[in-house]
C-alpha atoms as a PDB file:
ATOM      1  CA  MET A   1      10.365   6.194 -10.351  1.00  0.00           C
ATOM      2  CA  ARG A   2       6.758   6.812 -10.895  1.00  0.00           C
ATOM      3  CA  GLY A   3       4.121   6.909  -8.238  1.00  0.00           C
ATOM      4  CA  LEU A   4       0.432   7.463  -8.390  1.00  0.00           C
ATOM      5  CA  PRO A   5      -0.727  10.778  -6.873  1.00  0.00           C
ATOM      6  CA  CYS A   6      -3.188  10.085  -4.085  1.00  0.00           C
ATOM      7  CA  GLU A   7      -4.485  11.195  -0.727  1.00  0.00           C
ATOM      8  CA  SER A   8      -4.144   9.182   2.461  1.00  0.00           C
ATOM      9  CA  GLU A   9      -6.125   9.421   5.688  1.00  0.00           C
ATOM     10  CA  GLY A  10      -3.904  10.781   8.433  1.00  0.00           C
ATOM     11  CA  ASP A  11      -4.639  11.277  12.118  1.00  0.00           C
ATOM     12  CA  ALA A  12      -8.150  12.485  12.920  1.00  0.00           C
ATOM     13  CA  GLY A  13      -9.317  11.923   9.334  1.00  0.00           C
ATOM     14  CA  MET A  14      -7.001  14.570   7.873  1.00  0.00           C
ATOM     15  CA  LYS A  15      -6.149  13.992   4.219  1.00  0.00           C
ATOM     16  CA  ILE A  16      -2.456  13.887   3.262  1.00  0.00           C
ATOM     17  CA  LEU A  17      -1.343  14.561  -0.311  1.00  0.00           C
ATOM     18  CA  GLY A  18       1.312  12.178  -1.613  1.00  0.00           C
ATOM     19  CA  LYS A  19       2.228   9.340  -3.980  1.00  0.00           C
ATOM     20  CA  MET A  20       1.683   5.612  -3.601  1.00  0.00           C
ATOM     21  CA  TYR A  21       4.405   3.306  -4.910  1.00  0.00           C
ATOM     22  CA  LEU A  22       3.663  -0.355  -5.608  1.00  0.00           C
ATOM     23  CA  CYS A  23       6.426  -2.961  -5.924  1.00  0.00           C
ATOM     24  CA  GLU A  24       5.701  -4.721  -9.194  1.00  0.00           C
ATOM     25  CA  ARG A  25       7.275  -7.961  -7.938  1.00  0.00           C
ATOM     26  CA  CYS A  26       5.944  -8.546  -4.399  1.00  0.00           C
ATOM     27  CA  GLY A  27       3.116  -5.985  -4.168  1.00  0.00           C
ATOM     28  CA  GLU A  28       4.559  -4.028  -1.216  1.00  0.00           C
ATOM     29  CA  GLN A  29       3.210  -0.474  -1.011  1.00  0.00           C
ATOM     30  CA  LYS A  30       4.954   2.718   0.054  1.00  0.00           C
ATOM     31  CA  PHE A  31       3.228   6.081   0.620  1.00  0.00           C
ATOM     32  CA  VAL A  32       5.392   9.214   0.394  1.00  0.00           C
ATOM     33  CA  LYS A  33       4.121  12.640   1.466  1.00  0.00           C
ATOM     34  CA  TYR A  34       4.064  15.784  -0.633  1.00  0.00           C
ATOM     35  CA  ILE A  35       6.405  18.304   1.011  1.00  0.00           C
ATOM     36  CA  GLY A  36       6.778  20.862  -1.800  1.00  0.00           C
ATOM     37  CA  SER A  37       5.341  24.339  -2.022  1.00  0.00           C
ATOM     38  CA  GLY A  38       1.630  24.700  -2.517  1.00  0.00           C
ATOM     39  CA  PRO A  39      -0.406  22.813  -3.473  1.00  0.00           C
ATOM     40  CA  TYR A  40      -2.905  25.260  -4.831  1.00  0.00           C
ATOM     41  CA  ARG A  41      -6.342  24.613  -6.216  1.00  0.00           C
ATOM     42  CA  ASP A  42      -7.649  26.042  -9.486  1.00  0.00           C
ATOM     43  CA  GLY A  43     -11.292  25.055  -9.681  1.00  0.00           C
ATOM     44  CA  MET A  44     -11.327  21.246  -9.519  1.00  0.00           C
ATOM     45  CA  ASP A  45      -7.591  20.891 -10.350  1.00  0.00           C
ATOM     46  CA  ILE A  46      -4.888  20.612  -7.698  1.00  0.00           C
ATOM     47  CA  HIS A  47      -1.495  21.916  -8.857  1.00  0.00           C
ATOM     48  CA  ILE A  48       1.686  20.505  -7.345  1.00  0.00           C
ATOM     49  CA  THR A  49       5.382  20.432  -8.271  1.00  0.00           C
ATOM     50  CA  ALA A  50       6.788  17.112  -9.494  1.00  0.00           C
ATOM     51  CA  ASP A  51       9.884  17.348  -7.279  1.00  0.00           C
ATOM     52  CA  GLY A  52       7.942  18.151  -4.104  1.00  0.00           C
ATOM     53  CA  PHE A  53       7.628  14.588  -2.804  1.00  0.00           C
ATOM     54  CA  GLU A  54       9.648  12.789  -0.142  1.00  0.00           C
ATOM     55  CA  ALA A  55      12.021  10.175  -1.544  1.00  0.00           C
ATOM     56  CA  ALA A  56      10.913   6.547  -1.559  1.00  0.00           C
ATOM     57  CA  VAL A  57      14.055   5.430   0.291  1.00  0.00           C
ATOM     58  CA  GLY A  58      15.439   2.108  -0.944  1.00  0.00           C
ATOM     59  CA  TRP A  59      13.040   1.896  -3.875  1.00  0.00           C
ATOM     60  CA  THR A  60      14.450   1.696  -7.402  1.00  0.00           C
ATOM     61  CA  LYS A  61      13.242   1.615 -10.985  1.00  0.00           C
ATOM     62  CA  ARG A  62      14.439  -1.302 -13.089  1.00  0.00           C
ATOM     63  CA  ASP A  63      13.274  -1.863 -16.677  1.00  0.00           C
ATOM     64  CA  ASP A  64      10.495   0.723 -16.157  1.00  0.00           C
ATOM     65  CA  LYS A  65       9.168  -1.121 -13.073  1.00  0.00           C
ATOM     66  CA  ASP A  66       9.221   0.002  -9.416  1.00  0.00           C
ATOM     67  CA  PHE A  67      10.858  -2.354  -6.906  1.00  0.00           C
ATOM     68  CA  CYS A  68      11.086  -2.228  -3.102  1.00  0.00           C
ATOM     69  CA  SER A  69      14.557  -2.556  -1.569  1.00  0.00           C
ATOM     70  CA  LYS A  70      14.338  -6.356  -1.078  1.00  0.00           C
ATOM     71  CA  CYS A  71      13.132  -7.021  -4.609  1.00  0.00           C
ATOM     72  CA  SER A  72      15.675  -4.587  -6.044  1.00  0.00           C
ATOM     73  CA  GLU A  73      18.493  -6.540  -4.374  1.00  0.00           C
ATOM     74  CA  LYS A  74      17.023  -9.819  -5.685  1.00  0.00           C
ATOM     75  CA  TYR A  75      16.727  -8.350  -9.200  1.00  0.00           C
ATOM     76  CA  ASP A  76      20.337  -7.122  -9.118  1.00  0.00           C
ATOM     77  CA  SER A  77      21.655 -10.514  -7.993  1.00  0.00           C
ATOM     78  CA  MET A  78      19.606 -12.363 -10.636  1.00  0.00           C
ATOM     79  CA  MET A  79      20.866 -10.029 -13.385  1.00  0.00           C
ATOM     80  CA  LYS A  80      24.461 -10.359 -12.169  1.00  0.00           C
ATOM     81  CA  GLU A  81      24.163 -14.145 -12.249  1.00  0.00           C
ATOM     82  CA  PHE A  82      22.494 -14.069 -15.682  1.00  0.00           C
ATOM     83  CA  LEU A  83      25.103 -11.739 -17.188  1.00  0.00           C
ATOM     84  CA  SER A  84      27.970 -13.810 -15.802  1.00  0.00           C
ATOM     85  CA  CYS A  85      26.778 -16.943 -17.637  1.00  0.00           C
ATOM     86  CA  LYS A  86      28.794 -17.699 -20.746  1.00  0.00           C
ATOM     87  CA  GLU A  87      27.990 -20.295 -23.340  1.00  0.00           C
END
């Protein structure tokens, strides 16, 4: 799955590094925190590891699109029904 790197306002205005996922069917959003080592800053660049993010539990990637758990289930059932149709 892909997510967009971003910062979120935490308690007391603290910024939290993470990724924002957007369900491409219903528009639901999910923010996951960065929990890896670092990050470290090099001038204006912030360096992070790609595998240092929490998992977006229940979210899946289907046909290069991100889906929340409800939409993923709906997609799976629609594809199962479609593939079971025979002419």
